[in-house]
C-alpha atoms as a PDB file:
ATOM      1  CA  UNK A   1     -73.623 -16.038 -82.676  1.00  0.00           C
ATOM      2  CA  UNK A   2     -76.695 -14.493 -81.227  1.00  0.00           C
ATOM      3  CA  UNK A   3     -76.018 -15.132 -77.821  1.00  0.00           C
ATOM      4  CA  UNK A   4     -72.866 -13.367 -78.060  1.00  0.00           C
ATOM      5  CA  UNK A   5     -74.015 -10.116 -79.890  1.00  0.00           C
ATOM      6  CA  UNK A   6     -76.361 -10.028 -76.552  1.00  0.00           C
ATOM      7  CA  UNK A   7     -73.667  -9.563 -74.122  1.00  0.00           C
ATOM      8  CA  UNK A   8     -71.678  -7.748 -76.179  1.00  0.00           C
ATOM      9  CA  UNK A   9     -74.981  -5.055 -75.849  1.00  0.00           C
ATOM     10  CA  UNK A  10     -75.449  -5.942 -72.192  1.00  0.00           C
ATOM     11  CA  UNK A  11     -71.534  -5.115 -71.796  1.00  0.00           C
ATOM     12  CA  UNK A  12     -71.770  -1.858 -73.398  1.00  0.00           C
ATOM     13  CA  UNK A  13     -74.718  -0.945 -71.126  1.00  0.00           C
ATOM     14  CA  UNK A  14     -73.678  -1.526 -68.246  1.00  0.00           C
ATOM     15  CA  UNK A  15     -70.616   0.266 -69.287  1.00  0.00           C
ATOM     16  CA  UNK A  16     -72.558   3.378 -69.817  1.00  0.00           C
ATOM     17  CA  UNK A  17     -74.420   2.947 -66.797  1.00  0.00           C
ATOM     18  CA  UNK A  18     -71.229   2.720 -64.275  1.00  0.00           C
ATOM     19  CA  UNK A  19     -69.543   5.948 -66.433  1.00  0.00           C
ATOM     20  CA  UNK A  20     -72.736   7.960 -64.958  1.00  0.00           C
ATOM     21  CA  UNK A  21     -73.430   6.695 -61.865  1.00  0.00           C
ATOM     22  CA  UNK A  22     -69.325   6.668 -60.752  1.00  0.00           C
ATOM     23  CA  UNK A  23     -68.141  10.356 -59.738  1.00  0.00           C
ATOM     24  CA  UNK A  24     -64.735  11.475 -58.360  1.00  0.00           C
ATOM     25  CA  UNK A  25     -64.957  14.046 -56.045  1.00  0.00           C
ATOM     26  CA  UNK A  26     -61.485  15.679 -54.847  1.00  0.00           C
ATOM     27  CA  UNK A  27     -60.755  17.064 -51.670  1.00  0.00           C
ATOM     28  CA  UNK A  28     -60.746  20.317 -52.352  1.00  0.00           C
ATOM     29  CA  UNK A  29     -64.304  20.104 -54.196  1.00  0.00           C
ATOM     30  CA  UNK A  30     -67.859  19.263 -53.213  1.00  0.00           C
ATOM     31  CA  UNK A  31     -70.194  18.103 -56.111  1.00  0.00           C
ATOM     32  CA  UNK A  32     -74.214  19.623 -55.919  1.00  0.00           C
ATOM     33  CA  UNK A  33     -76.659  16.876 -57.087  1.00  0.00           C
ATOM     34  CA  UNK A  34     -79.887  17.651 -58.479  1.00  0.00           C
ATOM     35  CA  UNK A  35     -82.804  14.229 -58.801  1.00  0.00           C
ATOM     36  CA  UNK A  36     -84.652  15.769 -61.898  1.00  0.00           C
ATOM     37  CA  UNK A  37     -83.645  19.083 -61.224  1.00  0.00           C
ATOM     38  CA  UNK A  38     -84.415  19.642 -57.651  1.00  0.00           C
ATOM     39  CA  UNK A  39     -81.733  19.447 -55.156  1.00  0.00           C
ATOM     40  CA  UNK A  40     -80.820  16.804 -52.870  1.00  0.00           C
ATOM     41  CA  UNK A  41     -77.022  17.240 -51.269  1.00  0.00           C
ATOM     42  CA  UNK A  42     -73.666  17.820 -51.472  1.00  0.00           C
ATOM     43  CA  UNK A  43     -71.365  14.750 -51.953  1.00  0.00           C
ATOM     44  CA  UNK A  44     -67.829  14.329 -51.778  1.00  0.00           C
ATOM     45  CA  UNK A  45     -65.040  14.084 -51.073  1.00  0.00           C
ATOM     46  CA  UNK A  46     -63.999  10.758 -52.524  1.00  0.00           C
ATOM     47  CA  UNK A  47     -66.044   8.855 -54.823  1.00  0.00           C
ATOM     48  CA  UNK A  48     -69.991   9.604 -55.449  1.00  0.00           C
ATOM     49  CA  UNK A  49     -72.382   7.476 -56.966  1.00  0.00           C
ATOM     50  CA  UNK A  50     -75.402   8.586 -59.222  1.00  0.00           C
ATOM     51  CA  UNK A  51     -78.836   7.187 -60.348  1.00  0.00           C
ATOM     52  CA  UNK A  52     -78.073   7.041 -64.184  1.00  0.00           C
ATOM     53  CA  UNK A  53     -80.212   9.314 -66.025  1.00  0.00           C
ATOM     54  CA  UNK A  54     -81.864  10.517 -63.005  1.00  0.00           C
ATOM     55  CA  UNK A  55     -79.256  12.487 -60.929  1.00  0.00           C
ATOM     56  CA  UNK A  56     -76.687  14.850 -62.166  1.00  0.00           C
ATOM     57  CA  UNK A  57     -73.811  16.307 -60.269  1.00  0.00           C
ATOM     58  CA  UNK A  58     -72.064  19.952 -60.624  1.00  0.00           C
ATOM     59  CA  UNK A  59     -68.555  20.299 -59.092  1.00  0.00           C
ATOM     60  CA  UNK A  60     -67.766  23.122 -56.942  1.00  0.00           C
ATOM     61  CA  UNK A  61     -64.252  24.511 -55.943  1.00  0.00           C
ATOM     62  CA  UNK A  62     -63.789  25.432 -52.879  1.00  0.00           C
ATOM     63  CA  UNK A  63     -60.010  26.802 -53.213  1.00  0.00           C
ATOM     64  CA  UNK A  64     -59.056  30.246 -52.522  1.00  0.00           C
ATOM     65  CA  UNK A  65     -59.653  32.107 -56.151  1.00  0.00           C
ATOM     66  CA  UNK A  66     -57.040  35.493 -56.929  1.00  0.00           C
ATOM     67  CA  UNK A  67     -58.363  37.658 -59.091  1.00  0.00           C
ATOM     68  CA  UNK A  68     -57.392  41.020 -61.003  1.00  0.00           C
ATOM     69  CA  UNK A  69     -59.858  43.660 -61.124  1.00  0.00           C
ATOM     70  CA  UNK A  70     -59.318  45.801 -64.345  1.00  0.00           C
ATOM     71  CA  UNK A  71     -58.875  49.212 -63.912  1.00  0.00           C
ATOM     72  CA  UNK A  72     -61.525  51.133 -63.165  1.00  0.00           C
ATOM     73  CA  UNK A  73     -61.199  55.243 -64.002  1.00  0.00           C
ATOM     74  CA  UNK A  74     -62.569  57.301 -60.880  1.00  0.00           C
ATOM     75  CA  UNK A  75     -62.914  60.615 -59.736  1.00  0.00           C
ATOM     76  CA  UNK A  76     -61.988  61.302 -56.355  1.00  0.00           C
ATOM     77  CA  UNK A  77     -63.380  63.898 -53.733  1.00  0.00           C
ATOM     78  CA  UNK A  78     -60.991  66.348 -54.862  1.00  0.00           C
ATOM     79  CA  UNK A  79     -61.701  66.172 -58.445  1.00  0.00           C
ATOM     80  CA  UNK A  80     -58.418  64.074 -59.317  1.00  0.00           C
ATOM     81  CA  UNK A  81     -59.281  61.776 -62.189  1.00  0.00           C
ATOM     82  CA  UNK A  82     -57.446  58.341 -61.365  1.00  0.00           C
ATOM     83  CA  UNK A  83     -56.836  54.576 -62.772  1.00  0.00           C
ATOM     84  CA  UNK A  84     -57.210  52.201 -59.949  1.00  0.00           C
ATOM     85  CA  UNK A  85     -56.342  48.261 -60.527  1.00  0.00           C
ATOM     86  CA  UNK A  86     -56.830  45.536 -57.795  1.00  0.00           C
ATOM     87  CA  UNK A  87     -56.906  41.795 -56.970  1.00  0.00           C
ATOM     88  CA  UNK A  88     -59.507  39.750 -54.675  1.00  0.00           C
ATOM     89  CA  UNK A  89     -58.702  36.998 -53.024  1.00  0.00           C
ATOM     90  CA  UNK A  90     -61.837  34.918 -52.536  1.00  0.00           C
ATOM     91  CA  UNK A  91     -63.436  31.464 -52.025  1.00  0.00           C
ATOM     92  CA  UNK A  92     -66.718  29.277 -52.238  1.00  0.00           C
ATOM     93  CA  UNK A  93     -67.896  28.380 -48.102  1.00  0.00           C
ATOM     94  CA  UNK A  94     -70.889  27.212 -48.963  1.00  0.00           C
ATOM     95  CA  UNK A  95     -71.150  25.053 -52.282  1.00  0.00           C
ATOM     96  CA  UNK A  96     -74.989  24.676 -52.245  1.00  0.00           C
ATOM     97  CA  UNK A  97     -75.644  28.475 -52.555  1.00  0.00           C
ATOM     98  CA  UNK A  98     -72.448  29.085 -55.305  1.00  0.00           C
ATOM     99  CA  UNK A  99     -74.572  27.104 -57.683  1.00  0.00           C
ATOM    100  CA  UNK A 100     -78.318  27.774 -56.644  1.00  0.00           C
ATOM    101  CA  UNK A 101     -77.948  31.729 -55.614  1.00  0.00           C
ATOM    102  CA  UNK A 102     -75.922  33.396 -58.340  1.00  0.00           C
ATOM    103  CA  UNK A 103     -75.702  32.196 -61.972  1.00  0.00           C
ATOM    104  CA  UNK A 104     -71.768  32.469 -62.301  1.00  0.00           C
ATOM    105  CA  UNK A 105     -70.104  33.597 -58.800  1.00  0.00           C
ATOM    106  CA  UNK A 106     -67.044  34.371 -59.875  1.00  0.00           C
ATOM    107  CA  UNK A 107     -67.936  36.726 -62.714  1.00  0.00           C
ATOM    108  CA  UNK A 108     -70.707  37.900 -59.915  1.00  0.00           C
ATOM    109  CA  UNK A 109     -68.349  38.766 -57.540  1.00  0.00           C
ATOM    110  CA  UNK A 110     -65.367  40.306 -60.335  1.00  0.00           C
ATOM    111  CA  UNK A 111     -68.364  42.885 -61.082  1.00  0.00           C
ATOM    112  CA  UNK A 112     -69.172  43.578 -57.830  1.00  0.00           C
ATOM    113  CA  UNK A 113     -65.450  44.331 -57.198  1.00  0.00           C
ATOM    114  CA  UNK A 114     -65.075  46.951 -60.087  1.00  0.00           C
ATOM    115  CA  UNK A 115     -68.090  48.912 -59.163  1.00  0.00           C
ATOM    116  CA  UNK A 116     -67.195  48.818 -55.195  1.00  0.00           C
ATOM    117  CA  UNK A 117     -63.625  49.404 -56.068  1.00  0.00           C
ATOM    118  CA  UNK A 118     -64.915  52.499 -58.071  1.00  0.00           C
ATOM    119  CA  UNK A 119     -67.419  53.531 -55.400  1.00  0.00           C
ATOM    120  CA  UNK A 120     -65.185  53.366 -52.290  1.00  0.00           C
ATOM    121  CA  UNK A 121     -62.465  55.145 -54.263  1.00  0.00           C
ATOM    122  CA  UNK A 122     -65.197  58.117 -55.508  1.00  0.00           C
ATOM    123  CA  UNK A 123     -65.742  58.706 -51.898  1.00  0.00           C
ATOM    124  CA  UNK A 124     -61.451  59.127 -50.798  1.00  0.00           C
ATOM    125  CA  UNK A 125     -59.292  61.921 -51.347  1.00  0.00           C
ATOM    126  CA  UNK A 126     -56.262  61.220 -53.092  1.00  0.00           C
ATOM    127  CA  UNK A 127     -53.622  61.973 -50.086  1.00  0.00           C
ATOM    128  CA  UNK A 128     -55.459  58.885 -48.312  1.00  0.00           C
ATOM    129  CA  UNK A 129     -55.498  57.023 -51.624  1.00  0.00           C
ATOM    130  CA  UNK A 130     -51.860  57.227 -51.535  1.00  0.00           C
ATOM    131  CA  UNK A 131     -51.076  57.295 -48.217  1.00  0.00           C
ATOM    132  CA  UNK A 132     -54.022  55.295 -46.306  1.00  0.00           C
ATOM    133  CA  UNK A 133     -54.259  52.068 -49.132  1.00  0.00           C
ATOM    134  CA  UNK A 134     -54.499  49.900 -45.976  1.00  0.00           C
ATOM    135  CA  UNK A 135     -57.842  51.507 -45.304  1.00  0.00           C
ATOM    136  CA  UNK A 136     -59.130  51.450 -48.454  1.00  0.00           C
ATOM    137  CA  UNK A 137     -58.477  47.781 -49.205  1.00  0.00           C
ATOM    138  CA  UNK A 138     -60.549  47.222 -45.702  1.00  0.00           C
ATOM    139  CA  UNK A 139     -63.390  49.053 -46.909  1.00  0.00           C
ATOM    140  CA  UNK A 140     -63.383  47.419 -50.164  1.00  0.00           C
ATOM    141  CA  UNK A 141     -63.158  44.140 -48.907  1.00  0.00           C
ATOM    142  CA  UNK A 142     -65.811  44.798 -46.091  1.00  0.00           C
ATOM    143  CA  UNK A 143     -68.441  46.081 -48.778  1.00  0.00           C
ATOM    144  CA  UNK A 144     -67.728  43.168 -51.192  1.00  0.00           C
ATOM    145  CA  UNK A 145     -67.491  40.553 -48.357  1.00  0.00           C
ATOM    146  CA  UNK A 146     -71.785  41.804 -47.220  1.00  0.00           C
ATOM    147  CA  UNK A 147     -72.487  41.371 -51.312  1.00  0.00           C
ATOM    148  CA  UNK A 148     -71.246  38.048 -51.371  1.00  0.00           C
ATOM    149  CA  UNK A 149     -72.260  36.364 -48.785  1.00  0.00           C
ATOM    150  CA  UNK A 150     -75.265  35.487 -49.573  1.00  0.00           C
ATOM    151  CA  UNK A 151     -74.248  33.713 -52.561  1.00  0.00           C
ATOM    152  CA  UNK A 152     -71.796  31.604 -49.912  1.00  0.00           C
ATOM    153  CA  UNK A 153     -69.000  33.393 -51.064  1.00  0.00           C
ATOM    154  CA  UNK A 154     -66.239  34.595 -48.389  1.00  0.00           C
ATOM    155  CA  UNK A 155     -63.737  37.880 -49.202  1.00  0.00           C
ATOM    156  CA  UNK A 156     -60.767  37.485 -47.353  1.00  0.00           C
ATOM    157  CA  UNK A 157     -58.743  40.403 -49.007  1.00  0.00           C
ATOM    158  CA  UNK A 158     -58.447  42.719 -51.248  1.00  0.00           C
ATOM    159  CA  UNK A 159     -55.234  44.645 -52.394  1.00  0.00           C
ATOM    160  CA  UNK A 160     -55.156  48.167 -54.858  1.00  0.00           C
ATOM    161  CA  UNK A 161     -52.225  47.411 -57.224  1.00  0.00           C
ATOM    162  CA  UNK A 162     -51.374  50.430 -58.937  1.00  0.00           C
ATOM    163  CA  UNK A 163     -52.625  53.975 -58.394  1.00  0.00           C
ATOM    164  CA  UNK A 164     -52.071  55.719 -61.659  1.00  0.00           C
ATOM    165  CA  UNK A 165     -52.252  59.415 -61.550  1.00  0.00           C
ATOM    166  CA  UNK A 166     -52.441  62.143 -64.696  1.00  0.00           C
ATOM    167  CA  UNK A 167     -48.743  63.779 -66.390  1.00  0.00           C
ATOM    168  CA  UNK A 168     -49.666  67.041 -64.937  1.00  0.00           C
ATOM    169  CA  UNK A 169     -50.379  65.432 -61.636  1.00  0.00           C
ATOM    170  CA  UNK A 170     -47.447  63.610 -61.315  1.00  0.00           C
ATOM    171  CA  UNK A 171     -45.441  66.683 -62.424  1.00  0.00           C
ATOM    172  CA  UNK A 172     -47.162  68.712 -59.956  1.00  0.00           C
ATOM    173  CA  UNK A 173     -46.619  65.665 -56.947  1.00  0.00           C
ATOM    174  CA  UNK A 174     -42.981  65.898 -57.903  1.00  0.00           C
ATOM    175  CA  UNK A 175     -42.290  69.551 -57.796  1.00  0.00           C
ATOM    176  CA  UNK A 176     -44.243  69.466 -54.514  1.00  0.00           C
ATOM    177  CA  UNK A 177     -42.079  66.855 -52.981  1.00  0.00           C
ATOM    178  CA  UNK A 178     -38.859  68.538 -54.553  1.00  0.00           C
ATOM    179  CA  UNK A 179     -39.752  71.934 -52.675  1.00  0.00           C
ATOM    180  CA  UNK A 180     -40.379  70.055 -49.663  1.00  0.00           C
ATOM    181  CA  UNK A 181     -36.915  68.260 -49.102  1.00  0.00           C
ATOM    182  CA  UNK A 182     -35.470  71.848 -49.919  1.00  0.00           C
ATOM    183  CA  UNK A 183     -37.016  73.237 -47.108  1.00  0.00           C
ATOM    184  CA  UNK A 184     -36.201  70.428 -44.497  1.00  0.00           C
ATOM    185  CA  UNK A 185     -32.574  70.744 -46.043  1.00  0.00           C
ATOM    186  CA  UNK A 186     -32.204  74.757 -45.151  1.00  0.00           C
ATOM    187  CA  UNK A 187     -34.331  74.023 -42.125  1.00  0.00           C
ATOM    188  CA  UNK A 188     -31.750  71.292 -41.078  1.00  0.00           C
ATOM    189  CA  UNK A 189     -28.818  74.058 -42.129  1.00  0.00           C
ATOM    190  CA  UNK A 190     -30.320  76.691 -40.015  1.00  0.00           C
ATOM    191  CA  UNK A 191     -30.510  74.536 -36.938  1.00  0.00           C
ATOM    192  CA  UNK A 192     -26.852  73.874 -37.703  1.00  0.00           C
ATOM    193  CA  UNK A 193     -26.226  77.578 -37.638  1.00  0.00           C
ATOM    194  CA  UNK A 194     -28.031  78.639 -35.146  1.00  0.00           C
ATOM    195  CA  UNK A 195     -26.174  75.478 -32.335  1.00  0.00           C
ATOM    196  CA  UNK A 196     -22.535  76.694 -33.883  1.00  0.00           C
ATOM    197  CA  UNK A 197     -23.700  80.344 -32.779  1.00  0.00           C
ATOM    198  CA  UNK A 198     -24.387  79.253 -29.307  1.00  0.00           C
ATOM    199  CA  UNK A 199     -21.321  77.125 -29.039  1.00  0.00           C
ATOM    200  CA  UNK A 200     -19.183  79.915 -30.181  1.00  0.00           C
ATOM    201  CA  UNK A 201     -20.862  82.213 -28.083  1.00  0.00           C
ATOM    202  CA  UNK A 202     -19.914  79.979 -25.116  1.00  0.00           C
ATOM    203  CA  UNK A 203     -16.462  79.632 -26.519  1.00  0.00           C
ATOM    204  CA  UNK A 204     -16.519  83.626 -26.234  1.00  0.00           C
ATOM    205  CA  UNK A 205     -17.515  83.939 -22.993  1.00  0.00           C
ATOM    206  CA  UNK A 206     -15.098  81.210 -21.638  1.00  0.00           C
ATOM    207  CA  UNK A 207     -12.024  83.081 -23.257  1.00  0.00           C
ATOM    208  CA  UNK A 208     -13.203  86.596 -22.412  1.00  0.00           C
ATOM    209  CA  UNK A 209     -13.121  85.130 -18.635  1.00  0.00           C
ATOM    210  CA  UNK A 210      -9.808  83.684 -18.995  1.00  0.00           C
ATOM    211  CA  UNK A 211      -7.624  86.004 -21.307  1.00  0.00           C
ATOM    212  CA  UNK A 212      -4.795  83.564 -21.219  1.00  0.00           C
ATOM    213  CA  UNK A 213      -6.594  81.287 -23.389  1.00  0.00           C
ATOM    214  CA  UNK A 214      -6.608  83.332 -26.372  1.00  0.00           C
ATOM    215  CA  UNK A 215      -2.967  82.902 -25.832  1.00  0.00           C
ATOM    216  CA  UNK A 216      -3.171  79.354 -25.734  1.00  0.00           C
ATOM    217  CA  UNK A 217      -5.346  79.002 -28.499  1.00  0.00           C
ATOM    218  CA  UNK A 218      -2.786  81.200 -30.316  1.00  0.00           C
ATOM    219  CA  UNK A 219       0.213  78.835 -29.788  1.00  0.00           C
ATOM    220  CA  UNK A 220      -2.108  75.768 -30.556  1.00  0.00           C
ATOM    221  CA  UNK A 221      -2.958  77.367 -33.785  1.00  0.00           C
ATOM    222  CA  UNK A 222       0.826  77.862 -34.838  1.00  0.00           C
ATOM    223  CA  UNK A 223       1.548  73.912 -34.160  1.00  0.00           C
ATOM    224  CA  UNK A 224      -1.052  73.123 -36.070  1.00  0.00           C
ATOM    225  CA  UNK A 225       0.327  75.299 -39.238  1.00  0.00           C
ATOM    226  CA  UNK A 226       4.250  74.218 -38.403  1.00  0.00           C
ATOM    227  CA  UNK A 227       3.216  71.043 -39.913  1.00  0.00           C
ATOM    228  CA  UNK A 228       2.132  72.668 -43.129  1.00  0.00           C
ATOM    229  CA  UNK A 229       4.424  71.903 -46.274  1.00  0.00           C
ATOM    230  CA  UNK A 230       4.990  75.280 -47.448  1.00  0.00           C
ATOM    231  CA  UNK A 231       7.930  77.696 -47.844  1.00  0.00           C
ATOM    232  CA  UNK A 232       6.276  80.342 -46.103  1.00  0.00           C
ATOM    233  CA  UNK A 233       3.597  81.343 -43.776  1.00  0.00           C
ATOM    234  CA  UNK A 234       1.742  84.297 -42.800  1.00  0.00           C
ATOM    235  CA  UNK A 235       0.636  84.723 -39.688  1.00  0.00           C
ATOM    236  CA  UNK A 236      -0.730  87.993 -37.279  1.00  0.00           C
ATOM    237  CA  UNK A 237       0.945  88.288 -34.481  1.00  0.00           C
ATOM    238  CA  UNK A 238      -1.413  89.559 -31.664  1.00  0.00           C
ATOM    239  CA  UNK A 239       0.106  92.718 -29.785  1.00  0.00           C
ATOM    240  CA  UNK A 240      -1.347  91.078 -26.209  1.00  0.00           C
ATOM    241  CA  UNK A 241       0.950  88.238 -26.661  1.00  0.00           C
ATOM    242  CA  UNK A 242       4.454  90.737 -26.802  1.00  0.00           C
ATOM    243  CA  UNK A 243       2.971  93.336 -24.773  1.00  0.00           C
ATOM    244  CA  UNK A 244       4.896  91.630 -22.089  1.00  0.00           C
ATOM    245  CA  UNK A 245       8.274  91.498 -24.027  1.00  0.00           C
ATOM    246  CA  UNK A 246       8.156  95.172 -25.096  1.00  0.00           C
ATOM    247  CA  UNK A 247       7.505  95.955 -21.448  1.00  0.00           C
ATOM    248  CA  UNK A 248      10.763  94.724 -20.855  1.00  0.00           C
ATOM    249  CA  UNK A 249      12.607  96.088 -23.085  1.00  0.00           C
ATOM    250  CA  UNK A 250      11.607  99.520 -22.186  1.00  0.00           C
ATOM    251  CA  UNK A 251      12.356  98.759 -18.396  1.00  0.00           C
ATOM    252  CA  UNK A 252      16.456  97.191 -19.599  1.00  0.00           C
ATOM    253  CA  UNK A 253      16.988 100.376 -21.559  1.00  0.00           C
ATOM    254  CA  UNK A 254      16.043 103.111 -18.706  1.00  0.00           C
END
């Protein structure tokens, strides 16, 4: 009876030791191993054996992390208050630095991205923020990447998602855009009138050089009017067109 109990105790101890010694590290993870509090290296991926109760391991995910940067209220160079939010993509490239040199690398990266977003927007004008957002993204990415590099973090991309403007500024921009569209429409209309006037002047020159052209145009107009389904058509008759017939009639009377 005592021997069976002893075997049971030994089996429990072996299971506990195996549970404390065996770790599984996924392909996208790395394990940072500490021996009595001292960092001794990285392990994984795969099966990792530890010295029970002497070594402990912290896993670090190496996949790309997508994180929303909370909306920041900023004042641009031209004194416009805007709210800007963004999304940041980063990953751990050095697992030992991410564990040893910063307490919480995800939280630290988030706070750095927030302050950098506010500072960069504060150094930009509103037009640049709206029209050249790619340059703003690149500037934020470079600054955040330099700040997180000592922590073993690589920031691959930063994208500004939304720029929220005050209601008064939105109305002013809408009015400006409408005025710009009206200006372009007037310019296009004026250009069309100018081109039409040029063509009419050329046509007048041709008709003045060849008077018979006016009579041919008159006959063509009569032909087009004849197709209209109307009972009465009033059309002015040029004197030049009937002058030859009037001259012939007066000569026959003589």
